[in-house]
Amino acid sequence: MRTYGNLINRITEHTTGVPTVGMGATACAFTDRYAGTIIEIISPSRIKWREDKATRTNENGTSDVGQRYTYEADPDGRIIIFTKRRNGVWREAGIGRGCGLGLRLDARDKFHDFSF
């Protein structure tokens, strides 16, 4: 596997577990993270995730340091299908190995990298 993006994202997206409807989950991009909720179990290896509305609660402006958010369901949030790969990792469906979003189960975490 090639290394790319934020190390924290790469490590946390390799968490395993059994997804359930309503479970918080974090989509990990190159350096950003998006909080969301699992909204449908399509099959044991295919789930539907919807991005939540994340509102920043600290006053650090465009700083990467100390980002804190509150989360609420967003019925208009972006929806992404994730598939469970042979190694147990959840990845964005239809995207090749080592590319696209990874999914961390059981946690909502928003992070915006202002350096990009």
C-alpha atoms as a PDB file:
ATOM      1  CA  MET A   1       0.000   0.000   0.000  1.00  0.00           C
ATOM      2  CA  ARG A   2       1.399   3.389  -0.881  1.00  0.00           C
ATOM      3  CA  THR A   3       1.473   6.187   1.707  1.00  0.00           C
ATOM      4  CA  TYR A   4      -0.399   9.401   0.998  1.00  0.00           C
ATOM      5  CA  GLY A   5      -2.095  12.264   2.828  1.00  0.00           C
ATOM      6  CA  ASN A   6      -2.416  12.847   6.531  1.00  0.00           C
ATOM      7  CA  LEU A   7      -0.976  10.052   8.687  1.00  0.00           C
ATOM      8  CA  ILE A   8      -3.806  10.325  11.235  1.00  0.00           C
ATOM      9  CA  ASN A   9      -6.371   9.810   8.452  1.00  0.00           C
ATOM     10  CA  ARG A  10      -4.527   6.783   7.118  1.00  0.00           C
ATOM     11  CA  ILE A  11      -4.329   5.166  10.558  1.00  0.00           C
ATOM     12  CA  THR A  12      -7.896   5.856  11.702  1.00  0.00           C
ATOM     13  CA  GLU A  13      -9.535   4.737   8.462  1.00  0.00           C
ATOM     14  CA  HIS A  14      -8.152   1.249   9.103  1.00  0.00           C
ATOM     15  CA  THR A  15     -10.426   0.687  12.085  1.00  0.00           C
ATOM     16  CA  THR A  16     -12.706  -2.304  11.769  1.00  0.00           C
ATOM     17  CA  GLY A  17     -16.110  -3.059  13.202  1.00  0.00           C
ATOM     18  CA  VAL A  18     -19.700  -3.780  12.322  1.00  0.00           C
ATOM     19  CA  PRO A  19     -21.613  -0.757  11.018  1.00  0.00           C
ATOM     20  CA  THR A  20     -25.168  -0.061  12.167  1.00  0.00           C
ATOM     21  CA  VAL A  21     -27.752   2.451  10.972  1.00  0.00           C
ATOM     22  CA  GLY A  22     -27.373   5.674  12.948  1.00  0.00           C
ATOM     23  CA  MET A  23     -23.721   5.018  13.809  1.00  0.00           C
ATOM     24  CA  GLY A  24     -21.376   7.990  13.505  1.00  0.00           C
ATOM     25  CA  ALA A  25     -18.612   7.553  10.955  1.00  0.00           C
ATOM     26  CA  THR A  26     -15.821   9.745   9.595  1.00  0.00           C
ATOM     27  CA  ALA A  27     -14.910   9.900   5.910  1.00  0.00           C
ATOM     28  CA  CYS A  28     -11.154  10.480   5.606  1.00  0.00           C
ATOM     29  CA  ALA A  29      -9.861  12.373   2.587  1.00  0.00           C
ATOM     30  CA  PHE A  30      -6.277  13.328   1.713  1.00  0.00           C
ATOM     31  CA  THR A  31      -5.921  15.627   4.754  1.00  0.00           C
ATOM     32  CA  ASP A  32      -9.518  16.580   5.630  1.00  0.00           C
ATOM     33  CA  ARG A  33     -12.092  14.569   7.576  1.00  0.00           C
ATOM     34  CA  TYR A  34     -15.890  14.718   7.220  1.00  0.00           C
ATOM     35  CA  ALA A  35     -18.325  13.736   9.977  1.00  0.00           C
ATOM     36  CA  GLY A  36     -21.336  11.711   8.979  1.00  0.00           C
ATOM     37  CA  THR A  37     -23.834   9.006   9.809  1.00  0.00           C
ATOM     38  CA  ILE A  38     -24.462   5.551   8.382  1.00  0.00           C
ATOM     39  CA  ILE A  39     -27.970   5.755   6.967  1.00  0.00           C
ATOM     40  CA  GLU A  40     -28.380   2.349   5.314  1.00  0.00           C
ATOM     41  CA  ILE A  41     -26.817  -1.115   5.379  1.00  0.00           C
ATOM     42  CA  ILE A  42     -27.139  -2.221   1.763  1.00  0.00           C
ATOM     43  CA  SER A  43     -25.344  -5.532   2.374  1.00  0.00           C
ATOM     44  CA  PRO A  44     -22.742  -6.813   4.866  1.00  0.00           C
ATOM     45  CA  SER A  45     -20.029  -5.288   2.679  1.00  0.00           C
ATOM     46  CA  ARG A  46     -21.828  -2.180   1.353  1.00  0.00           C
ATOM     47  CA  ILE A  47     -23.155   0.801   3.322  1.00  0.00           C
ATOM     48  CA  LYS A  48     -24.596   4.227   2.625  1.00  0.00           C
ATOM     49  CA  TRP A  49     -23.129   7.205   4.539  1.00  0.00           C
ATOM     50  CA  ARG A  50     -24.449  10.786   4.694  1.00  0.00           C
ATOM     51  CA  GLU A  51     -22.380  13.816   5.687  1.00  0.00           C
ATOM     52  CA  ASP A  52     -23.571  15.654   8.798  1.00  0.00           C
ATOM     53  CA  LYS A  53     -23.656  19.412   9.303  1.00  0.00           C
ATOM     54  CA  ALA A  54     -20.549  20.347  11.308  1.00  0.00           C
ATOM     55  CA  THR A  55     -20.514  23.747  13.029  1.00  0.00           C
ATOM     56  CA  ARG A  56     -17.197  24.999  14.349  1.00  0.00           C
ATOM     57  CA  THR A  57     -17.424  26.003  18.005  1.00  0.00           C
ATOM     58  CA  ASN A  58     -14.001  27.466  18.756  1.00  0.00           C
ATOM     59  CA  GLU A  59     -12.712  30.870  17.682  1.00  0.00           C
ATOM     60  CA  ASN A  60      -9.357  30.003  16.134  1.00  0.00           C
ATOM     61  CA  GLY A  61     -10.366  31.289  12.693  1.00  0.00           C
ATOM     62  CA  THR A  62      -8.562  29.614   9.824  1.00  0.00           C
ATOM     63  CA  SER A  63      -6.215  27.746  12.137  1.00  0.00           C
ATOM     64  CA  ASP A  64      -5.688  23.995  12.014  1.00  0.00           C
ATOM     65  CA  VAL A  65      -5.093  24.009  15.775  1.00  0.00           C
ATOM     66  CA  GLY A  66      -7.839  23.143  18.232  1.00  0.00           C
ATOM     67  CA  GLN A  67     -10.690  22.634  15.795  1.00  0.00           C
ATOM     68  CA  ARG A  68     -13.886  21.698  17.663  1.00  0.00           C
ATOM     69  CA  TYR A  69     -17.290  21.093  16.110  1.00  0.00           C
ATOM     70  CA  THR A  70     -20.856  20.223  16.974  1.00  0.00           C
ATOM     71  CA  TYR A  71     -22.695  17.837  14.668  1.00  0.00           C
ATOM     72  CA  GLU A  72     -26.287  17.497  13.525  1.00  0.00           C
ATOM     73  CA  ALA A  73     -28.011  15.415  10.899  1.00  0.00           C
ATOM     74  CA  ASP A  74     -28.222  17.065   7.485  1.00  0.00           C
ATOM     75  CA  PRO A  75     -30.991  15.622   5.301  1.00  0.00           C
ATOM     76  CA  ASP A  76     -29.360  17.363   2.315  1.00  0.00           C
ATOM     77  CA  GLY A  77     -25.833  16.152   3.119  1.00  0.00           C
ATOM     78  CA  ARG A  78     -23.714  14.433   0.501  1.00  0.00           C
ATOM     79  CA  ILE A  79     -24.294  10.682   0.289  1.00  0.00           C
ATOM     80  CA  ILE A  80     -21.502   8.212  -0.452  1.00  0.00           C
ATOM     81  CA  ILE A  81     -21.540   4.422  -0.793  1.00  0.00           C
ATOM     82  CA  PHE A  82     -18.664   2.614   0.953  1.00  0.00           C
ATOM     83  CA  THR A  83     -17.622  -0.988   0.402  1.00  0.00           C
ATOM     84  CA  LYS A  84     -15.697  -3.255   2.729  1.00  0.00           C
ATOM     85  CA  ARG A  85     -12.500  -4.415   1.077  1.00  0.00           C
ATOM     86  CA  ARG A  86     -10.790  -7.797   1.561  1.00  0.00           C
ATOM     87  CA  ASN A  87      -8.479  -6.307   4.194  1.00  0.00           C
ATOM     88  CA  GLY A  88     -11.509  -5.180   6.264  1.00  0.00           C
ATOM     89  CA  VAL A  89     -11.129  -1.478   5.442  1.00  0.00           C
ATOM     90  CA  TRP A  90     -14.141   0.540   4.270  1.00  0.00           C
ATOM     91  CA  ARG A  91     -13.396   2.551   1.098  1.00  0.00           C
ATOM     92  CA  GLU A  92     -15.446   4.691  -1.253  1.00  0.00           C
ATOM     93  CA  ALA A  93     -17.208   2.451  -3.787  1.00  0.00           C
ATOM     94  CA  GLY A  94     -16.001   2.481  -7.371  1.00  0.00           C
ATOM     95  CA  ILE A  95     -12.643   4.051  -6.567  1.00  0.00           C
ATOM     96  CA  GLY A  96      -9.408   2.151  -7.101  1.00  0.00           C
ATOM     97  CA  ARG A  97      -7.045   0.905  -4.432  1.00  0.00           C
ATOM     98  CA  GLY A  98      -5.264   3.670  -2.520  1.00  0.00           C
ATOM     99  CA  CYS A  99      -7.581   6.403  -3.803  1.00  0.00           C
ATOM    100  CA  GLY A 100     -10.852   7.960  -2.708  1.00  0.00           C
ATOM    101  CA  LEU A 101     -12.237   8.266   0.803  1.00  0.00           C
ATOM    102  CA  GLY A 102     -11.663   5.830   3.643  1.00  0.00           C
ATOM    103  CA  LEU A 103     -14.196   5.396   6.437  1.00  0.00           C
ATOM    104  CA  ARG A 104     -13.636   5.303  10.188  1.00  0.00           C
ATOM    105  CA  LEU A 105     -16.528   3.651  11.977  1.00  0.00           C
ATOM    106  CA  ASP A 106     -18.013   4.642  15.338  1.00  0.00           C
ATOM    107  CA  ALA A 107     -16.803   8.272  15.490  1.00  0.00           C
ATOM    108  CA  ARG A 108     -17.735  11.648  14.029  1.00  0.00           C
ATOM    109  CA  ASP A 109     -14.731  13.874  13.419  1.00  0.00           C
ATOM    110  CA  LYS A 110     -14.512  16.978  11.231  1.00  0.00           C
ATOM    111  CA  PHE A 111     -11.149  18.479  10.363  1.00  0.00           C
ATOM    112  CA  HIS A 112     -10.377  21.050   7.698  1.00  0.00           C
ATOM    113  CA  ASP A 113      -6.759  21.485   6.592  1.00  0.00           C
ATOM    114  CA  PHE A 114      -6.438  25.183   5.818  1.00  0.00           C
ATOM    115  CA  SER A 115      -3.004  24.756   4.195  1.00  0.00           C
ATOM    116  CA  PHE A 116      -4.540  23.394   0.962  1.00  0.00           C
END
